[in-house]
Structures are given as structure tokens and as C-alpha cells.
Amino acid sequence: MSTTTWSVRGMTCGHCVAAVTEEISAIPGVSDVAVDLASGLVTVTADADPSADAIAAAVDEAGYTLGPA
């Protein structure tokens, strides 16, 4: 298992958290997603480190922007 933390820009509410959680959770191998709305940080636990491209695509699909980690 590996854990990585990413910054997501544009989240403002619980709906934002749910959308980002749903999209990242759909990435194969991801077992847990924890979103801290106040800081904009998203912690992803997976079998192996998901690629930055996969995380960025999921965050984009949710309607937000991946920021610097």
C-alpha cells in the first residue's frame, strides 16, 4: 500500500468533496480517499502510487484543478 497527498483547487463545499472522492475512488487500485476541504488536500491510499496523470484526470472530471502537492 502507498499513500500520496495531492492539492486540489476550487473545492468549496461538501458536494465538491463528494465529487472528488467519487472520481478518484474510481481509479483502479485506489482503496481510500480522504479529502480535507479546509486545506484542499486529498490523501489517496492505493495498491501502488497512482500516476499524476490519472489523479489529474479524475480531479478534472470532477470539475476541479490539481494543484502542487
PDB file of N, CA and C in Angstrom:
ATOM      1  N   MET A   1       0.838  -1.189   0.000  1.00  0.00           N
ATOM      2  CA  MET A   1       0.000   0.000   0.000  1.00  0.00           C
ATOM      3  C   MET A   1       0.879   1.247   0.000  1.00  0.00           C
ATOM      4  N   SER A   2       0.401   2.253  -0.684  1.00  0.00           N
ATOM      5  CA  SER A   2       1.105   3.526  -0.672  1.00  0.00           C
ATOM      6  C   SER A   2       0.088   4.640  -0.453  1.00  0.00           C
ATOM      7  N   THR A   3       0.564   5.711   0.126  1.00  0.00           N
ATOM      8  CA  THR A   3      -0.281   6.867   0.392  1.00  0.00           C
ATOM      9  C   THR A   3       0.377   8.097  -0.201  1.00  0.00           C
ATOM     10  N   THR A   4      -0.396   8.861  -0.970  1.00  0.00           N
ATOM     11  CA  THR A   4       0.102  10.107  -1.552  1.00  0.00           C
ATOM     12  C   THR A   4      -0.886  11.218  -1.239  1.00  0.00           C
ATOM     13  N   THR A   5      -0.380  12.436  -1.172  1.00  0.00           N
ATOM     14  CA  THR A   5      -1.234  13.587  -0.893  1.00  0.00           C
ATOM     15  C   THR A   5      -1.129  14.568  -2.043  1.00  0.00           C
ATOM     16  N   TRP A   6      -2.283  15.077  -2.454  1.00  0.00           N
ATOM     17  CA  TRP A   6      -2.382  15.994  -3.576  1.00  0.00           C
ATOM     18  C   TRP A   6      -3.159  17.230  -3.148  1.00  0.00           C
ATOM     19  N   SER A   7      -2.903  18.327  -3.803  1.00  0.00           N
ATOM     20  CA  SER A   7      -3.646  19.565  -3.569  1.00  0.00           C
ATOM     21  C   SER A   7      -4.674  19.711  -4.690  1.00  0.00           C
ATOM     22  N   VAL A   8      -5.911  20.027  -4.298  1.00  0.00           N
ATOM     23  CA  VAL A   8      -6.971  20.241  -5.280  1.00  0.00           C
ATOM     24  C   VAL A   8      -7.526  21.648  -5.080  1.00  0.00           C
ATOM     25  N   ARG A   9      -7.544  22.410  -6.163  1.00  0.00           N
ATOM     26  CA  ARG A   9      -8.029  23.791  -6.102  1.00  0.00           C
ATOM     27  C   ARG A   9      -9.475  23.859  -6.570  1.00  0.00           C
ATOM     28  N   GLY A  10     -10.246  24.721  -5.912  1.00  0.00           N
ATOM     29  CA  GLY A  10     -11.607  25.001  -6.340  1.00  0.00           C
ATOM     30  C   GLY A  10     -12.705  24.369  -5.503  1.00  0.00           C
ATOM     31  N   MET A  11     -12.356  23.512  -4.556  1.00  0.00           N
ATOM     32  CA  MET A  11     -13.380  22.884  -3.716  1.00  0.00           C
ATOM     33  C   MET A  11     -13.874  23.878  -2.674  1.00  0.00           C
ATOM     34  N   THR A  12     -15.206  23.962  -2.523  1.00  0.00           N
ATOM     35  CA  THR A  12     -15.773  24.915  -1.567  1.00  0.00           C
ATOM     36  C   THR A  12     -16.832  24.329  -0.643  1.00  0.00           C
ATOM     37  N   CYS A  13     -17.260  23.073  -0.902  1.00  0.00           N
ATOM     38  CA  CYS A  13     -18.368  22.543  -0.107  1.00  0.00           C
ATOM     39  C   CYS A  13     -18.328  21.021  -0.061  1.00  0.00           C
ATOM     40  N   GLY A  14     -19.288  20.453   0.634  1.00  0.00           N
ATOM     41  CA  GLY A  14     -19.385  19.009   0.756  1.00  0.00           C
ATOM     42  C   GLY A  14     -19.627  18.319  -0.580  1.00  0.00           C
ATOM     43  N   HIS A  15     -20.378  18.960  -1.463  1.00  0.00           N
ATOM     44  CA  HIS A  15     -20.610  18.382  -2.796  1.00  0.00           C
ATOM     45  C   HIS A  15     -19.284  18.256  -3.535  1.00  0.00           C
ATOM     46  N   CYS A  16     -18.419  19.252  -3.405  1.00  0.00           N
ATOM     47  CA  CYS A  16     -17.094  19.216  -4.029  1.00  0.00           C
ATOM     48  C   CYS A  16     -16.309  18.008  -3.523  1.00  0.00           C
ATOM     49  N   VAL A  17     -16.334  17.819  -2.224  1.00  0.00           N
ATOM     50  CA  VAL A  17     -15.624  16.702  -1.596  1.00  0.00           C
ATOM     51  C   VAL A  17     -16.148  15.379  -2.140  1.00  0.00           C
ATOM     52  N   ALA A  18     -17.471  15.250  -2.231  1.00  0.00           N
ATOM     53  CA  ALA A  18     -18.082  14.017  -2.721  1.00  0.00           C
ATOM     54  C   ALA A  18     -17.694  13.747  -4.173  1.00  0.00           C
ATOM     55  N   ALA A  19     -17.693  14.783  -5.004  1.00  0.00           N
ATOM     56  CA  ALA A  19     -17.361  14.622  -6.421  1.00  0.00           C
ATOM     57  C   ALA A  19     -15.913  14.184  -6.599  1.00  0.00           C
ATOM     58  N   VAL A  20     -14.999  14.822  -5.883  1.00  0.00           N
ATOM     59  CA  VAL A  20     -13.579  14.471  -5.986  1.00  0.00           C
ATOM     60  C   VAL A  20     -13.349  13.059  -5.444  1.00  0.00           C
ATOM     61  N   THR A  21     -13.972  12.737  -4.331  1.00  0.00           N
ATOM     62  CA  THR A  21     -13.835  11.405  -3.740  1.00  0.00           C
ATOM     63  C   THR A  21     -14.329  10.334  -4.714  1.00  0.00           C
ATOM     64  N   GLU A  22     -15.475  10.554  -5.326  1.00  0.00           N
ATOM     65  CA  GLU A  22     -16.049   9.582  -6.256  1.00  0.00           C
ATOM     66  C   GLU A  22     -15.135   9.349  -7.459  1.00  0.00           C
ATOM     67  N   GLU A  23     -14.641  10.417  -8.054  1.00  0.00           N
ATOM     68  CA  GLU A  23     -13.811  10.279  -9.253  1.00  0.00           C
ATOM     69  C   GLU A  23     -12.462   9.618  -8.951  1.00  0.00           C
ATOM     70  N   ILE A  24     -11.813  10.012  -7.863  1.00  0.00           N
ATOM     71  CA  ILE A  24     -10.522   9.408  -7.528  1.00  0.00           C
ATOM     72  C   ILE A  24     -10.706   7.950  -7.099  1.00  0.00           C
ATOM     73  N   SER A  25     -11.786   7.659  -6.407  1.00  0.00           N
ATOM     74  CA  SER A  25     -12.051   6.286  -5.967  1.00  0.00           C
ATOM     75  C   SER A  25     -12.225   5.332  -7.148  1.00  0.00           C
ATOM     76  N   ALA A  26     -12.600   5.861  -8.303  1.00  0.00           N
ATOM     77  CA  ALA A  26     -12.814   5.028  -9.496  1.00  0.00           C
ATOM     78  C   ALA A  26     -11.505   4.604 -10.167  1.00  0.00           C
ATOM     79  N   ILE A  27     -10.383   5.196  -9.761  1.00  0.00           N
ATOM     80  CA  ILE A  27      -9.086   4.825 -10.336  1.00  0.00           C
ATOM     81  C   ILE A  27      -8.743   3.416  -9.834  1.00  0.00           C
ATOM     82  N   PRO A  28      -8.406   2.498 -10.759  1.00  0.00           N
ATOM     83  CA  PRO A  28      -8.063   1.131 -10.339  1.00  0.00           C
ATOM     84  C   PRO A  28      -6.937   1.110  -9.297  1.00  0.00           C
ATOM     85  N   GLY A  29      -7.153   0.320  -8.253  1.00  0.00           N
ATOM     86  CA  GLY A  29      -6.150   0.165  -7.210  1.00  0.00           C
ATOM     87  C   GLY A  29      -6.328   1.095  -6.027  1.00  0.00           C
ATOM     88  N   VAL A  30      -7.136   2.142  -6.172  1.00  0.00           N
ATOM     89  CA  VAL A  30      -7.351   3.082  -5.068  1.00  0.00           C
ATOM     90  C   VAL A  30      -8.283   2.442  -4.045  1.00  0.00           C
ATOM     91  N   SER A  31      -7.854   2.431  -2.781  1.00  0.00           N
ATOM     92  CA  SER A  31      -8.653   1.814  -1.727  1.00  0.00           C
ATOM     93  C   SER A  31      -9.270   2.828  -0.770  1.00  0.00           C
ATOM     94  N   ASP A  32      -8.710   4.039  -0.711  1.00  0.00           N
ATOM     95  CA  ASP A  32      -9.251   5.044   0.203  1.00  0.00           C
ATOM     96  C   ASP A  32      -8.902   6.440  -0.297  1.00  0.00           C
ATOM     97  N   VAL A  33      -9.850   7.364  -0.124  1.00  0.00           N
ATOM     98  CA  VAL A  33      -9.645   8.766  -0.474  1.00  0.00           C
ATOM     99  C   VAL A  33     -10.128   9.595   0.705  1.00  0.00           C
ATOM    100  N   ALA A  34      -9.257  10.457   1.243  1.00  0.00           N
ATOM    101  CA  ALA A  34      -9.621  11.335   2.349  1.00  0.00           C
ATOM    102  C   ALA A  34      -9.399  12.774   1.900  1.00  0.00           C
ATOM    103  N   VAL A  35     -10.481  13.566   1.927  1.00  0.00           N
ATOM    104  CA  VAL A  35     -10.419  14.953   1.464  1.00  0.00           C
ATOM    105  C   VAL A  35     -10.550  15.888   2.657  1.00  0.00           C
ATOM    106  N   ASP A  36      -9.617  16.824   2.783  1.00  0.00           N
ATOM    107  CA  ASP A  36      -9.684  17.865   3.807  1.00  0.00           C
ATOM    108  C   ASP A  36     -10.082  19.156   3.092  1.00  0.00           C
ATOM    109  N   LEU A  37     -11.353  19.509   3.203  1.00  0.00           N
ATOM    110  CA  LEU A  37     -11.879  20.671   2.498  1.00  0.00           C
ATOM    111  C   LEU A  37     -11.169  21.959   2.900  1.00  0.00           C
ATOM    112  N   ALA A  38     -10.864  22.109   4.182  1.00  0.00           N
ATOM    113  CA  ALA A  38     -10.244  23.345   4.667  1.00  0.00           C
ATOM    114  C   ALA A  38      -8.883  23.607   4.036  1.00  0.00           C
ATOM    115  N   SER A  39      -8.080  22.561   3.878  1.00  0.00           N
ATOM    116  CA  SER A  39      -6.737  22.735   3.325  1.00  0.00           C
ATOM    117  C   SER A  39      -6.682  22.483   1.819  1.00  0.00           C
ATOM    118  N   GLY A  40      -7.704  21.795   1.301  1.00  0.00           N
ATOM    119  CA  GLY A  40      -7.701  21.440  -0.113  1.00  0.00           C
ATOM    120  C   GLY A  40      -6.817  20.243  -0.414  1.00  0.00           C
ATOM    121  N   LEU A  41      -6.413  19.521   0.631  1.00  0.00           N
ATOM    122  CA  LEU A  41      -5.549  18.364   0.425  1.00  0.00           C
ATOM    123  C   LEU A  41      -6.350  17.078   0.323  1.00  0.00           C
ATOM    124  N   VAL A  42      -5.926  16.222  -0.585  1.00  0.00           N
ATOM    125  CA  VAL A  42      -6.568  14.934  -0.801  1.00  0.00           C
ATOM    126  C   VAL A  42      -5.512  13.846  -0.604  1.00  0.00           C
ATOM    127  N   THR A  43      -5.769  12.929   0.312  1.00  0.00           N
ATOM    128  CA  THR A  43      -4.861  11.826   0.576  1.00  0.00           C
ATOM    129  C   THR A  43      -5.437  10.568  -0.053  1.00  0.00           C
ATOM    130  N   VAL A  44      -4.621   9.933  -0.883  1.00  0.00           N
ATOM    131  CA  VAL A  44      -5.054   8.752  -1.634  1.00  0.00           C
ATOM    132  C   VAL A  44      -4.236   7.552  -1.191  1.00  0.00           C
ATOM    133  N   THR A  45      -4.927   6.483  -0.806  1.00  0.00           N
ATOM    134  CA  THR A  45      -4.282   5.229  -0.464  1.00  0.00           C
ATOM    135  C   THR A  45      -4.599   4.238  -1.581  1.00  0.00           C
ATOM    136  N   ALA A  46      -3.556   3.588  -2.090  1.00  0.00           N
ATOM    137  CA  ALA A  46      -3.736   2.665  -3.211  1.00  0.00           C
ATOM    138  C   ALA A  46      -2.735   1.526  -3.132  1.00  0.00           C
ATOM    139  N   ASP A  47      -2.989   0.495  -3.944  1.00  0.00           N
ATOM    140  CA  ASP A  47      -2.083  -0.646  -4.014  1.00  0.00           C
ATOM    141  C   ASP A  47      -0.693  -0.205  -4.486  1.00  0.00           C
ATOM    142  N   ALA A  48      -0.671   0.739  -5.424  1.00  0.00           N
ATOM    143  CA  ALA A  48       0.569   1.326  -5.944  1.00  0.00           C
ATOM    144  C   ALA A  48       0.280   2.804  -6.196  1.00  0.00           C
ATOM    145  N   ASP A  49       1.331   3.621  -6.243  1.00  0.00           N
ATOM    146  CA  ASP A  49       1.111   5.049  -6.462  1.00  0.00           C
ATOM    147  C   ASP A  49       0.378   5.275  -7.773  1.00  0.00           C
ATOM    148  N   PRO A  50      -0.806   5.916  -7.721  1.00  0.00           N
ATOM    149  CA  PRO A  50      -1.476   6.256  -8.979  1.00  0.00           C
ATOM    150  C   PRO A  50      -0.676   7.354  -9.681  1.00  0.00           C
ATOM    151  N   SER A  51      -0.696   7.357 -10.991  1.00  0.00           N
ATOM    152  CA  SER A  51       0.066   8.362 -11.728  1.00  0.00           C
ATOM    153  C   SER A  51      -0.550   9.739 -11.529  1.00  0.00           C
ATOM    154  N   ALA A  52       0.280  10.758 -11.642  1.00  0.00           N
ATOM    155  CA  ALA A  52      -0.207  12.133 -11.548  1.00  0.00           C
ATOM    156  C   ALA A  52      -1.236  12.397 -12.640  1.00  0.00           C
ATOM    157  N   ASP A  53      -1.036  11.794 -13.810  1.00  0.00           N
ATOM    158  CA  ASP A  53      -1.992  11.974 -14.908  1.00  0.00           C
ATOM    159  C   ASP A  53      -3.359  11.400 -14.552  1.00  0.00           C
ATOM    160  N   ALA A  54      -3.373  10.237 -13.904  1.00  0.00           N
ATOM    161  CA  ALA A  54      -4.646   9.617 -13.517  1.00  0.00           C
ATOM    162  C   ALA A  54      -5.364  10.466 -12.469  1.00  0.00           C
ATOM    163  N   ILE A  55      -4.617  10.969 -11.490  1.00  0.00           N
ATOM    164  CA  ILE A  55      -5.216  11.829 -10.464  1.00  0.00           C
ATOM    165  C   ILE A  55      -5.726  13.117 -11.094  1.00  0.00           C
ATOM    166  N   ALA A  56      -4.911  13.738 -11.945  1.00  0.00           N
ATOM    167  CA  ALA A  56      -5.310  14.988 -12.600  1.00  0.00           C
ATOM    168  C   ALA A  56      -6.565  14.791 -13.441  1.00  0.00           C
ATOM    169  N   ALA A  57      -6.655  13.680 -14.163  1.00  0.00           N
ATOM    170  CA  ALA A  57      -7.829  13.410 -14.998  1.00  0.00           C
ATOM    171  C   ALA A  57      -9.080  13.230 -14.136  1.00  0.00           C
ATOM    172  N   ALA A  58      -8.946  12.525 -13.016  1.00  0.00           N
ATOM    173  CA  ALA A  58     -10.086  12.313 -12.125  1.00  0.00           C
ATOM    174  C   ALA A  58     -10.545  13.622 -11.505  1.00  0.00           C
ATOM    175  N   VAL A  59      -9.598  14.436 -11.069  1.00  0.00           N
ATOM    176  CA  VAL A  59      -9.932  15.729 -10.465  1.00  0.00           C
ATOM    177  C   VAL A  59     -10.589  16.638 -11.508  1.00  0.00           C
ATOM    178  N   ASP A  60     -10.058  16.624 -12.726  1.00  0.00           N
ATOM    179  CA  ASP A  60     -10.634  17.411 -13.812  1.00  0.00           C
ATOM    180  C   ASP A  60     -12.059  16.957 -14.119  1.00  0.00           C
ATOM    181  N   GLU A  61     -12.276  15.651 -14.142  1.00  0.00           N
ATOM    182  CA  GLU A  61     -13.614  15.102 -14.402  1.00  0.00           C
ATOM    183  C   GLU A  61     -14.614  15.561 -13.336  1.00  0.00           C
ATOM    184  N   ALA A  62     -14.117  15.731 -12.109  1.00  0.00           N
ATOM    185  CA  ALA A  62     -14.972  16.207 -11.018  1.00  0.00           C
ATOM    186  C   ALA A  62     -15.229  17.712 -11.116  1.00  0.00           C
ATOM    187  N   GLY A  63     -14.438  18.402 -11.956  1.00  0.00           N
ATOM    188  CA  GLY A  63     -14.655  19.833 -12.155  1.00  0.00           C
ATOM    189  C   GLY A  63     -13.690  20.729 -11.408  1.00  0.00           C
ATOM    190  N   TYR A  64     -12.558  20.161 -10.971  1.00  0.00           N
ATOM    191  CA  TYR A  64     -11.602  20.928 -10.181  1.00  0.00           C
ATOM    192  C   TYR A  64     -10.214  20.825 -10.788  1.00  0.00           C
ATOM    193  N   THR A  65      -9.248  21.466 -10.163  1.00  0.00           N
ATOM    194  CA  THR A  65      -7.902  21.524 -10.710  1.00  0.00           C
ATOM    195  C   THR A  65      -6.903  20.967  -9.716  1.00  0.00           C
ATOM    196  N   LEU A  66      -6.012  20.113 -10.212  1.00  0.00           N
ATOM    197  CA  LEU A  66      -4.950  19.572  -9.376  1.00  0.00           C
ATOM    198  C   LEU A  66      -3.891  20.650  -9.195  1.00  0.00           C
ATOM    199  N   GLY A  67      -3.553  20.920  -7.932  1.00  0.00           N
ATOM    200  CA  GLY A  67      -2.529  21.925  -7.641  1.00  0.00           C
ATOM    201  C   GLY A  67      -1.225  21.252  -7.262  1.00  0.00           C
ATOM    202  N   PRO A  68      -0.237  22.030  -6.892  1.00  0.00           N
ATOM    203  CA  PRO A  68       1.025  21.443  -6.451  1.00  0.00           C
ATOM    204  C   PRO A  68       0.816  20.664  -5.150  1.00  0.00           C
ATOM    205  N   ALA A  69       1.533  19.574  -5.016  1.00  0.00           N
ATOM    206  CA  ALA A  69       1.355  18.719  -3.837  1.00  0.00           C
ATOM    207  C   ALA A  69       1.839  19.388  -2.570  1.00  0.00           C
TER     208      ALA A  69
END
